[in-house]
Amino acid sequence: MTPRRTPSLGVPVFFAVTLSLSAYFTFAAVQGDFGIFRRAEFKVEGDRLERELSEIQSEVTRMENLTLRMSDGYLDIDLLDQQARDVLGLVRGDEIVVN
């Protein structure tokens, strides 16, 4: 009579551990802190910040232009007149105010 051989638990345990680790690392690669979805979020946020930076830079350029036009070395009379009207509410004698 040949001795009966019992099935080894090593092979199923090995495959279960391997499958578990593969699932964990796949999940981490897709949804983890440095995963694919997080990278896409960073890309969208970076694009939004670049657009905001561009808008702020154009606003700064506009303000620098206005500042130059109101400086001592270069005075734009039309801009000064516009600012006096807007800020101080000044009106010339030959104008009529309509509210």
PDB file of N, CA and C in Angstrom:
ATOM      1  N   MET A   1       0.806  -1.155   0.000  1.00  0.00           N
ATOM      2  CA  MET A   1       0.000   0.000   0.000  1.00  0.00           C
ATOM      3  C   MET A   1       0.870   1.246   0.000  1.00  0.00           C
ATOM      4  N   THR A   2       0.507   2.163  -0.827  1.00  0.00           N
ATOM      5  CA  THR A   2       1.295   3.382  -0.930  1.00  0.00           C
ATOM      6  C   THR A   2       0.750   4.391   0.069  1.00  0.00           C
ATOM      7  N   PRO A   3       1.648   5.140   0.665  1.00  0.00           N
ATOM      8  CA  PRO A   3       1.157   6.130   1.619  1.00  0.00           C
ATOM      9  C   PRO A   3       0.351   7.214   0.907  1.00  0.00           C
ATOM     10  N   ARG A   4      -0.675   7.636   1.568  1.00  0.00           N
ATOM     11  CA  ARG A   4      -1.552   8.655   0.987  1.00  0.00           C
ATOM     12  C   ARG A   4      -0.928  10.024   1.188  1.00  0.00           C
ATOM     13  N   ARG A   5      -0.957  10.807   0.142  1.00  0.00           N
ATOM     14  CA  ARG A   5      -0.335  12.130   0.188  1.00  0.00           C
ATOM     15  C   ARG A   5      -1.408  13.174   0.410  1.00  0.00           C
ATOM     16  N   THR A   6      -1.229  14.022   1.396  1.00  0.00           N
ATOM     17  CA  THR A   6      -2.205  15.083   1.665  1.00  0.00           C
ATOM     18  C   THR A   6      -1.819  16.307   0.844  1.00  0.00           C
ATOM     19  N   PRO A   7      -2.833  17.030   0.338  1.00  0.00           N
ATOM     20  CA  PRO A   7      -2.508  18.216  -0.467  1.00  0.00           C
ATOM     21  C   PRO A   7      -1.835  19.277   0.390  1.00  0.00           C
ATOM     22  N   SER A   8      -0.876  19.922  -0.217  1.00  0.00           N
ATOM     23  CA  SER A   8      -0.111  20.956   0.480  1.00  0.00           C
ATOM     24  C   SER A   8      -0.882  22.274   0.467  1.00  0.00           C
ATOM     25  N   LEU A   9      -0.839  23.003   1.552  1.00  0.00           N
ATOM     26  CA  LEU A   9      -1.495  24.310   1.628  1.00  0.00           C
ATOM     27  C   LEU A   9      -0.602  25.420   1.098  1.00  0.00           C
ATOM     28  N   GLY A  10       0.621  25.149   0.809  1.00  0.00           N
ATOM     29  CA  GLY A  10       1.567  26.171   0.365  1.00  0.00           C
ATOM     30  C   GLY A  10       1.182  26.811  -0.959  1.00  0.00           C
ATOM     31  N   VAL A  11       0.752  26.009  -1.907  1.00  0.00           N
ATOM     32  CA  VAL A  11       0.423  26.538  -3.241  1.00  0.00           C
ATOM     33  C   VAL A  11      -0.795  27.457  -3.177  1.00  0.00           C
ATOM     34  N   PRO A  12      -1.914  27.077  -2.577  1.00  0.00           N
ATOM     35  CA  PRO A  12      -3.055  28.010  -2.510  1.00  0.00           C
ATOM     36  C   PRO A  12      -2.748  29.273  -1.698  1.00  0.00           C
ATOM     37  N   VAL A  13      -1.975  29.118  -0.640  1.00  0.00           N
ATOM     38  CA  VAL A  13      -1.602  30.294   0.155  1.00  0.00           C
ATOM     39  C   VAL A  13      -0.724  31.224  -0.670  1.00  0.00           C
ATOM     40  N   PHE A  14       0.214  30.671  -1.410  1.00  0.00           N
ATOM     41  CA  PHE A  14       1.084  31.477  -2.267  1.00  0.00           C
ATOM     42  C   PHE A  14       0.256  32.261  -3.286  1.00  0.00           C
ATOM     43  N   PHE A  15      -0.688  31.593  -3.953  1.00  0.00           N
ATOM     44  CA  PHE A  15      -1.508  32.269  -4.940  1.00  0.00           C
ATOM     45  C   PHE A  15      -2.429  33.312  -4.301  1.00  0.00           C
ATOM     46  N   ALA A  16      -2.935  33.030  -3.108  1.00  0.00           N
ATOM     47  CA  ALA A  16      -3.797  34.000  -2.418  1.00  0.00           C
ATOM     48  C   ALA A  16      -3.004  35.247  -2.032  1.00  0.00           C
ATOM     49  N   VAL A  17      -1.796  35.060  -1.526  1.00  0.00           N
ATOM     50  CA  VAL A  17      -0.955  36.204  -1.168  1.00  0.00           C
ATOM     51  C   VAL A  17      -0.560  36.985  -2.410  1.00  0.00           C
ATOM     52  N   THR A  18      -0.181  36.293  -3.461  1.00  0.00           N
ATOM     53  CA  THR A  18       0.200  36.954  -4.718  1.00  0.00           C
ATOM     54  C   THR A  18      -0.973  37.740  -5.298  1.00  0.00           C
ATOM     55  N   LEU A  19      -2.144  37.160  -5.306  1.00  0.00           N
ATOM     56  CA  LEU A  19      -3.332  37.846  -5.823  1.00  0.00           C
ATOM     57  C   LEU A  19      -3.668  39.056  -4.963  1.00  0.00           C
ATOM     58  N   SER A  20      -3.570  38.917  -3.647  1.00  0.00           N
ATOM     59  CA  SER A  20      -3.861  40.038  -2.748  1.00  0.00           C
ATOM     60  C   SER A  20      -2.884  41.184  -2.959  1.00  0.00           C
ATOM     61  N   LEU A  21      -1.600  40.876  -3.046  1.00  0.00           N
ATOM     62  CA  LEU A  21      -0.599  41.924  -3.275  1.00  0.00           C
ATOM     63  C   LEU A  21      -0.781  42.588  -4.641  1.00  0.00           C
ATOM     64  N   SER A  22      -1.087  41.799  -5.654  1.00  0.00           N
ATOM     65  CA  SER A  22      -1.325  42.375  -6.989  1.00  0.00           C
ATOM     66  C   SER A  22      -2.521  43.309  -6.971  1.00  0.00           C
ATOM     67  N   ALA A  23      -3.591  42.904  -6.293  1.00  0.00           N
ATOM     68  CA  ALA A  23      -4.784  43.759  -6.204  1.00  0.00           C
ATOM     69  C   ALA A  23      -4.463  45.040  -5.447  1.00  0.00           C
ATOM     70  N   TYR A  24      -3.715  44.932  -4.357  1.00  0.00           N
ATOM     71  CA  TYR A  24      -3.362  46.120  -3.572  1.00  0.00           C
ATOM     72  C   TYR A  24      -2.528  47.105  -4.390  1.00  0.00           C
ATOM     73  N   PHE A  25      -1.491  46.601  -5.057  1.00  0.00           N
ATOM     74  CA  PHE A  25      -0.619  47.499  -5.824  1.00  0.00           C
ATOM     75  C   PHE A  25      -1.337  48.083  -7.039  1.00  0.00           C
ATOM     76  N   THR A  26      -2.239  47.334  -7.636  1.00  0.00           N
ATOM     77  CA  THR A  26      -3.033  47.875  -8.744  1.00  0.00           C
ATOM     78  C   THR A  26      -3.943  48.992  -8.253  1.00  0.00           C
ATOM     79  N   PHE A  27      -4.592  48.763  -7.128  1.00  0.00           N
ATOM     80  CA  PHE A  27      -5.448  49.792  -6.549  1.00  0.00           C
ATOM     81  C   PHE A  27      -4.635  51.042  -6.199  1.00  0.00           C
ATOM     82  N   ALA A  28      -3.467  50.856  -5.600  1.00  0.00           N
ATOM     83  CA  ALA A  28      -2.616  51.984  -5.221  1.00  0.00           C
ATOM     84  C   ALA A  28      -2.127  52.730  -6.460  1.00  0.00           C
ATOM     85  N   ALA A  29      -1.848  52.023  -7.547  1.00  0.00           N
ATOM     86  CA  ALA A  29      -1.377  52.676  -8.764  1.00  0.00           C
ATOM     87  C   ALA A  29      -2.478  53.510  -9.415  1.00  0.00           C
ATOM     88  N   VAL A  30      -3.713  53.117  -9.215  1.00  0.00           N
ATOM     89  CA  VAL A  30      -4.817  53.841  -9.843  1.00  0.00           C
ATOM     90  C   VAL A  30      -5.375  54.920  -8.917  1.00  0.00           C
ATOM     91  N   GLN A  31      -5.617  54.589  -7.638  1.00  0.00           N
ATOM     92  CA  GLN A  31      -6.311  55.502  -6.753  1.00  0.00           C
ATOM     93  C   GLN A  31      -5.474  56.030  -5.600  1.00  0.00           C
ATOM     94  N   GLY A  32      -4.233  55.671  -5.509  1.00  0.00           N
ATOM     95  CA  GLY A  32      -3.406  56.082  -4.383  1.00  0.00           C
ATOM     96  C   GLY A  32      -3.008  57.551  -4.446  1.00  0.00           C
ATOM     97  N   ASP A  33      -2.180  57.961  -3.487  1.00  0.00           N
ATOM     98  CA  ASP A  33      -1.743  59.355  -3.408  1.00  0.00           C
ATOM     99  C   ASP A  33      -0.973  59.793  -4.654  1.00  0.00           C
ATOM    100  N   PHE A  34      -0.285  58.885  -5.293  1.00  0.00           N
ATOM    101  CA  PHE A  34       0.481  59.197  -6.489  1.00  0.00           C
ATOM    102  C   PHE A  34      -0.047  58.407  -7.682  1.00  0.00           C
ATOM    103  N   GLY A  35      -1.315  58.059  -7.657  1.00  0.00           N
ATOM    104  CA  GLY A  35      -1.917  57.236  -8.695  1.00  0.00           C
ATOM    105  C   GLY A  35      -2.345  58.041  -9.910  1.00  0.00           C
ATOM    106  N   ILE A  36      -2.951  57.332 -10.830  1.00  0.00           N
ATOM    107  CA  ILE A  36      -3.362  57.917 -12.116  1.00  0.00           C
ATOM    108  C   ILE A  36      -4.434  58.985 -11.908  1.00  0.00           C
ATOM    109  N   PHE A  37      -5.425  58.714 -11.058  1.00  0.00           N
ATOM    110  CA  PHE A  37      -6.492  59.694 -10.836  1.00  0.00           C
ATOM    111  C   PHE A  37      -5.948  60.956 -10.172  1.00  0.00           C
ATOM    112  N   ARG A  38      -5.036  60.781  -9.243  1.00  0.00           N
ATOM    113  CA  ARG A  38      -4.443  61.937  -8.560  1.00  0.00           C
ATOM    114  C   ARG A  38      -3.625  62.776  -9.540  1.00  0.00           C
ATOM    115  N   ARG A  39      -2.935  62.112 -10.452  1.00  0.00           N
ATOM    116  CA  ARG A  39      -2.152  62.821 -11.471  1.00  0.00           C
ATOM    117  C   ARG A  39      -3.070  63.652 -12.366  1.00  0.00           C
ATOM    118  N   ALA A  40      -4.221  63.096 -12.720  1.00  0.00           N
ATOM    119  CA  ALA A  40      -5.187  63.840 -13.534  1.00  0.00           C
ATOM    120  C   ALA A  40      -5.708  65.053 -12.773  1.00  0.00           C
ATOM    121  N   GLU A  41      -5.961  64.897 -11.466  1.00  0.00           N
ATOM    122  CA  GLU A  41      -6.414  66.029 -10.655  1.00  0.00           C
ATOM    123  C   GLU A  41      -5.342  67.128 -10.617  1.00  0.00           C
ATOM    124  N   PHE A  42      -4.083  66.734 -10.478  1.00  0.00           N
ATOM    125  CA  PHE A  42      -2.989  67.712 -10.476  1.00  0.00           C
ATOM    126  C   PHE A  42      -2.900  68.439 -11.805  1.00  0.00           C
ATOM    127  N   LYS A  43      -3.112  67.726 -12.900  1.00  0.00           N
ATOM    128  CA  LYS A  43      -3.050  68.332 -14.226  1.00  0.00           C
ATOM    129  C   LYS A  43      -4.148  69.384 -14.381  1.00  0.00           C
ATOM    130  N   VAL A  44      -5.366  69.051 -13.977  1.00  0.00           N
ATOM    131  CA  VAL A  44      -6.486  69.994 -14.084  1.00  0.00           C
ATOM    132  C   VAL A  44      -6.240  71.208 -13.195  1.00  0.00           C
ATOM    133  N   GLU A  45      -5.768  70.977 -11.984  1.00  0.00           N
ATOM    134  CA  GLU A  45      -5.481  72.079 -11.062  1.00  0.00           C
ATOM    135  C   GLU A  45      -4.362  72.966 -11.604  1.00  0.00           C
ATOM    136  N   GLY A  46      -3.340  72.350 -12.205  1.00  0.00           N
ATOM    137  CA  GLY A  46      -2.247  73.119 -12.792  1.00  0.00           C
ATOM    138  C   GLY A  46      -2.727  73.989 -13.949  1.00  0.00           C
ATOM    139  N   ASP A  47      -3.592  73.442 -14.795  1.00  0.00           N
ATOM    140  CA  ASP A  47      -4.139  74.225 -15.906  1.00  0.00           C
ATOM    141  C   ASP A  47      -4.957  75.403 -15.397  1.00  0.00           C
ATOM    142  N   ARG A  48      -5.764  75.168 -14.355  1.00  0.00           N
ATOM    143  CA  ARG A  48      -6.577  76.243 -13.788  1.00  0.00           C
ATOM    144  C   ARG A  48      -5.696  77.339 -13.199  1.00  0.00           C
ATOM    145  N   LEU A  49      -4.649  76.944 -12.507  1.00  0.00           N
ATOM    146  CA  LEU A  49      -3.744  77.930 -11.913  1.00  0.00           C
ATOM    147  C   LEU A  49      -2.973  78.710 -12.977  1.00  0.00           C
ATOM    148  N   GLU A  50      -2.629  78.047 -14.085  1.00  0.00           N
ATOM    149  CA  GLU A  50      -1.958  78.764 -15.176  1.00  0.00           C
ATOM    150  C   GLU A  50      -2.880  79.814 -15.794  1.00  0.00           C
ATOM    151  N   ARG A  51      -4.160  79.471 -15.961  1.00  0.00           N
ATOM    152  CA  ARG A  51      -5.117  80.459 -16.489  1.00  0.00           C
ATOM    153  C   ARG A  51      -5.271  81.628 -15.519  1.00  0.00           C
ATOM    154  N   GLU A  52      -5.349  81.316 -14.238  1.00  0.00           N
ATOM    155  CA  GLU A  52      -5.474  82.374 -13.230  1.00  0.00           C
ATOM    156  C   GLU A  52      -4.233  83.261 -13.222  1.00  0.00           C
ATOM    157  N   LEU A  53      -3.070  82.659 -13.357  1.00  0.00           N
ATOM    158  CA  LEU A  53      -1.827  83.433 -13.418  1.00  0.00           C
ATOM    159  C   LEU A  53      -1.823  84.352 -14.624  1.00  0.00           C
ATOM    160  N   SER A  54      -2.279  83.854 -15.754  1.00  0.00           N
ATOM    161  CA  SER A  54      -2.340  84.669 -16.964  1.00  0.00           C
ATOM    162  C   SER A  54      -3.275  85.865 -16.774  1.00  0.00           C
ATOM    163  N   GLU A  55      -4.428  85.634 -16.143  1.00  0.00           N
ATOM    164  CA  GLU A  55      -5.362  86.729 -15.890  1.00  0.00           C
ATOM    165  C   GLU A  55      -4.759  87.764 -14.948  1.00  0.00           C
ATOM    166  N   ILE A  56      -4.081  87.298 -13.919  1.00  0.00           N
ATOM    167  CA  ILE A  56      -3.460  88.214 -12.960  1.00  0.00           C
ATOM    168  C   ILE A  56      -2.336  89.003 -13.624  1.00  0.00           C
ATOM    169  N   GLN A  57      -1.549  88.341 -14.471  1.00  0.00           N
ATOM    170  CA  GLN A  57      -0.468  89.047 -15.162  1.00  0.00           C
ATOM    171  C   GLN A  57      -1.019  90.125 -16.096  1.00  0.00           C
ATOM    172  N   SER A  58      -2.119  89.840 -16.781  1.00  0.00           N
ATOM    173  CA  SER A  58      -2.702  90.858 -17.658  1.00  0.00           C
ATOM    174  C   SER A  58      -3.249  92.026 -16.838  1.00  0.00           C
ATOM    175  N   GLU A  59      -3.814  91.738 -15.675  1.00  0.00           N
ATOM    176  CA  GLU A  59      -4.304  92.803 -14.800  1.00  0.00           C
ATOM    177  C   GLU A  59      -3.140  93.656 -14.280  1.00  0.00           C
ATOM    178  N   VAL A  60      -2.040  93.009 -13.929  1.00  0.00           N
ATOM    179  CA  VAL A  60      -0.859  93.742 -13.466  1.00  0.00           C
ATOM    180  C   VAL A  60      -0.315  94.624 -14.584  1.00  0.00           C
ATOM    181  N   THR A  61      -0.278  94.107 -15.797  1.00  0.00           N
ATOM    182  CA  THR A  61       0.193  94.899 -16.943  1.00  0.00           C
ATOM    183  C   THR A  61      -0.694  96.119 -17.152  1.00  0.00           C
ATOM    184  N   ARG A  62      -2.010  95.922 -17.051  1.00  0.00           N
ATOM    185  CA  ARG A  62      -2.944  97.042 -17.211  1.00  0.00           C
ATOM    186  C   ARG A  62      -2.723  98.090 -16.119  1.00  0.00           C
ATOM    187  N   MET A  63      -2.543  97.634 -14.892  1.00  0.00           N
ATOM    188  CA  MET A  63      -2.334  98.577 -13.780  1.00  0.00           C
ATOM    189  C   MET A  63      -0.993  99.300 -13.908  1.00  0.00           C
ATOM    190  N   GLU A  64       0.037  98.592 -14.389  1.00  0.00           N
ATOM    191  CA  GLU A  64       1.328  99.255 -14.614  1.00  0.00           C
ATOM    192  C   GLU A  64       1.188 100.347 -15.665  1.00  0.00           C
ATOM    193  N   ASN A  65       0.399 100.088 -16.707  1.00  0.00           N
ATOM    194  CA  ASN A  65       0.170 101.080 -17.753  1.00  0.00           C
ATOM    195  C   ASN A  65      -0.546 102.301 -17.176  1.00  0.00           C
ATOM    196  N   LEU A  66      -1.579 102.053 -16.361  1.00  0.00           N
ATOM    197  CA  LEU A  66      -2.297 103.179 -15.756  1.00  0.00           C
ATOM    198  C   LEU A  66      -1.395 103.963 -14.810  1.00  0.00           C
ATOM    199  N   THR A  67      -0.566 103.266 -14.063  1.00  0.00           N
ATOM    200  CA  THR A  67       0.350 103.934 -13.142  1.00  0.00           C
ATOM    201  C   THR A  67       1.340 104.798 -13.903  1.00  0.00           C
ATOM    202  N   LEU A  68       1.870 104.274 -15.002  1.00  0.00           N
ATOM    203  CA  LEU A  68       2.797 105.056 -15.819  1.00  0.00           C
ATOM    204  C   LEU A  68       2.115 106.302 -16.365  1.00  0.00           C
ATOM    205  N   ARG A  69       0.877 106.135 -16.814  1.00  0.00           N
ATOM    206  CA  ARG A  69       0.164 107.273 -17.404  1.00  0.00           C
ATOM    207  C   ARG A  69      -0.197 108.339 -16.381  1.00  0.00           C
ATOM    208  N   MET A  70      -0.194 107.999 -15.087  1.00  0.00           N
ATOM    209  CA  MET A  70      -0.492 108.983 -14.048  1.00  0.00           C
ATOM    210  C   MET A  70       0.775 109.450 -13.315  1.00  0.00           C
ATOM    211  N   SER A  71       1.948 109.024 -13.766  1.00  0.00           N
ATOM    212  CA  SER A  71       3.189 109.369 -13.068  1.00  0.00           C
ATOM    213  C   SER A  71       3.621 110.793 -13.397  1.00  0.00           C
ATOM    214  N   ASP A  72       4.617 111.271 -12.642  1.00  0.00           N
ATOM    215  CA  ASP A  72       5.116 112.639 -12.835  1.00  0.00           C
ATOM    216  C   ASP A  72       5.767 112.828 -14.195  1.00  0.00           C
ATOM    217  N   GLY A  73       6.459 111.827 -14.676  1.00  0.00           N
ATOM    218  CA  GLY A  73       7.176 111.948 -15.953  1.00  0.00           C
ATOM    219  C   GLY A  73       6.272 111.907 -17.165  1.00  0.00           C
ATOM    220  N   TYR A  74       5.104 111.339 -17.032  1.00  0.00           N
ATOM    221  CA  TYR A  74       4.194 111.196 -18.170  1.00  0.00           C
ATOM    222  C   TYR A  74       2.779 111.333 -17.634  1.00  0.00           C
ATOM    223  N   LEU A  75       2.102 112.399 -17.956  1.00  0.00           N
ATOM    224  CA  LEU A  75       0.758 112.630 -17.437  1.00  0.00           C
ATOM    225  C   LEU A  75      -0.240 112.620 -18.583  1.00  0.00           C
ATOM    226  N   ASP A  76      -1.157 111.695 -18.541  1.00  0.00           N
ATOM    227  CA  ASP A  76      -2.212 111.582 -19.543  1.00  0.00           C
ATOM    228  C   ASP A  76      -3.406 112.388 -19.043  1.00  0.00           C
ATOM    229  N   ILE A  77      -3.668 113.506 -19.669  1.00  0.00           N
ATOM    230  CA  ILE A  77      -4.728 114.422 -19.234  1.00  0.00           C
ATOM    231  C   ILE A  77      -6.099 113.750 -19.323  1.00  0.00           C
ATOM    232  N   ASP A  78      -6.332 112.969 -20.360  1.00  0.00           N
ATOM    233  CA  ASP A  78      -7.623 112.295 -20.495  1.00  0.00           C
ATOM    234  C   ASP A  78      -7.852 111.305 -19.355  1.00  0.00           C
ATOM    235  N   LEU A  79      -6.806 110.547 -18.992  1.00  0.00           N
ATOM    236  CA  LEU A  79      -6.936 109.607 -17.891  1.00  0.00           C
ATOM    237  C   LEU A  79      -7.148 110.346 -16.575  1.00  0.00           C
ATOM    238  N   LEU A  80      -6.441 111.446 -16.371  1.00  0.00           N
ATOM    239  CA  LEU A  80      -6.615 112.240 -15.159  1.00  0.00           C
ATOM    240  C   LEU A  80      -8.052 112.767 -15.069  1.00  0.00           C
ATOM    241  N   ASP A  81      -8.581 113.234 -16.189  1.00  0.00           N
ATOM    242  CA  ASP A  81      -9.957 113.730 -16.234  1.00  0.00           C
ATOM    243  C   ASP A  81     -10.939 112.602 -15.903  1.00  0.00           C
ATOM    244  N   GLN A  82     -10.716 111.434 -16.484  1.00  0.00           N
ATOM    245  CA  GLN A  82     -11.598 110.292 -16.230  1.00  0.00           C
ATOM    246  C   GLN A  82     -11.551 109.889 -14.756  1.00  0.00           C
ATOM    247  N   GLN A  83     -10.364 109.827 -14.179  1.00  0.00           N
ATOM    248  CA  GLN A  83     -10.228 109.446 -12.779  1.00  0.00           C
ATOM    249  C   GLN A  83     -10.891 110.483 -11.858  1.00  0.00           C
ATOM    250  N   ALA A  84     -10.731 111.760 -12.162  1.00  0.00           N
ATOM    251  CA  ALA A  84     -11.353 112.804 -11.343  1.00  0.00           C
ATOM    252  C   ALA A  84     -12.872 112.684 -11.392  1.00  0.00           C
ATOM    253  N   ARG A  85     -13.408 112.370 -12.556  1.00  0.00           N
ATOM    254  CA  ARG A  85     -14.855 112.216 -12.692  1.00  0.00           C
ATOM    255  C   ARG A  85     -15.349 110.986 -11.940  1.00  0.00           C
ATOM    256  N   ASP A  86     -14.627 109.867 -12.091  1.00  0.00           N
ATOM    257  CA  ASP A  86     -15.059 108.614 -11.447  1.00  0.00           C
ATOM    258  C   ASP A  86     -14.929 108.677  -9.934  1.00  0.00           C
ATOM    259  N   VAL A  87     -13.778 109.116  -9.461  1.00  0.00           N
ATOM    260  CA  VAL A  87     -13.500 109.046  -8.026  1.00  0.00           C
ATOM    261  C   VAL A  87     -14.130 110.207  -7.277  1.00  0.00           C
ATOM    262  N   LEU A  88     -13.967 111.402  -7.791  1.00  0.00           N
ATOM    263  CA  LEU A  88     -14.422 112.586  -7.064  1.00  0.00           C
ATOM    264  C   LEU A  88     -15.811 113.049  -7.466  1.00  0.00           C
ATOM    265  N   GLY A  89     -16.317 112.541  -8.577  1.00  0.00           N
ATOM    266  CA  GLY A  89     -17.635 112.950  -9.028  1.00  0.00           C
ATOM    267  C   GLY A  89     -17.644 114.364  -9.587  1.00  0.00           C
ATOM    268  N   LEU A  90     -16.536 114.796 -10.175  1.00  0.00           N
ATOM    269  CA  LEU A  90     -16.454 116.152 -10.718  1.00  0.00           C
ATOM    270  C   LEU A  90     -17.168 116.248 -12.057  1.00  0.00           C
ATOM    271  N   VAL A  91     -17.744 117.445 -12.310  1.00  0.00           N
ATOM    272  CA  VAL A  91     -18.442 117.721 -13.554  1.00  0.00           C
ATOM    273  C   VAL A  91     -18.012 119.107 -14.013  1.00  0.00           C
ATOM    274  N   ARG A  92     -17.809 119.260 -15.326  1.00  0.00           N
ATOM    275  CA  ARG A  92     -17.478 120.582 -15.858  1.00  0.00           C
ATOM    276  C   ARG A  92     -18.725 121.465 -15.860  1.00  0.00           C
ATOM    277  N   GLY A  93     -18.504 122.759 -15.969  1.00  0.00           N
ATOM    278  CA  GLY A  93     -19.607 123.730 -15.913  1.00  0.00           C
ATOM    279  C   GLY A  93     -20.551 123.637 -17.084  1.00  0.00           C
ATOM    280  N   ASP A  94     -20.067 123.175 -18.241  1.00  0.00           N
ATOM    281  CA  ASP A  94     -20.921 123.139 -19.420  1.00  0.00           C
ATOM    282  C   ASP A  94     -21.575 121.754 -19.623  1.00  0.00           C
ATOM    283  N   GLU A  95     -21.524 120.870 -18.609  1.00  0.00           N
ATOM    284  CA  GLU A  95     -22.109 119.533 -18.725  1.00  0.00           C
ATOM    285  C   GLU A  95     -23.407 119.472 -17.909  1.00  0.00           C
ATOM    286  N   ILE A  96     -24.282 118.569 -18.340  1.00  0.00           N
ATOM    287  CA  ILE A  96     -25.538 118.335 -17.644  1.00  0.00           C
ATOM    288  C   ILE A  96     -25.495 116.918 -17.080  1.00  0.00           C
ATOM    289  N   VAL A  97     -25.824 116.763 -15.812  1.00  0.00           N
ATOM    290  CA  VAL A  97     -25.798 115.447 -15.158  1.00  0.00           C
ATOM    291  C   VAL A  97     -27.192 114.848 -15.241  1.00  0.00           C
ATOM    292  N   VAL A  98     -27.271 113.629 -15.737  1.00  0.00           N
ATOM    293  CA  VAL A  98     -28.530 112.914 -15.842  1.00  0.00           C
ATOM    294  C   VAL A  98     -28.401 111.644 -14.980  1.00  0.00           C
ATOM    295  N   ASN A  99     -29.320 111.503 -14.043  1.00  0.00           N
ATOM    296  CA  ASN A  99     -29.300 110.304 -13.175  1.00  0.00           C
ATOM    297  C   ASN A  99     -30.354 109.333 -13.592  1.00  0.00           C
TER     298      ASN A  99
END
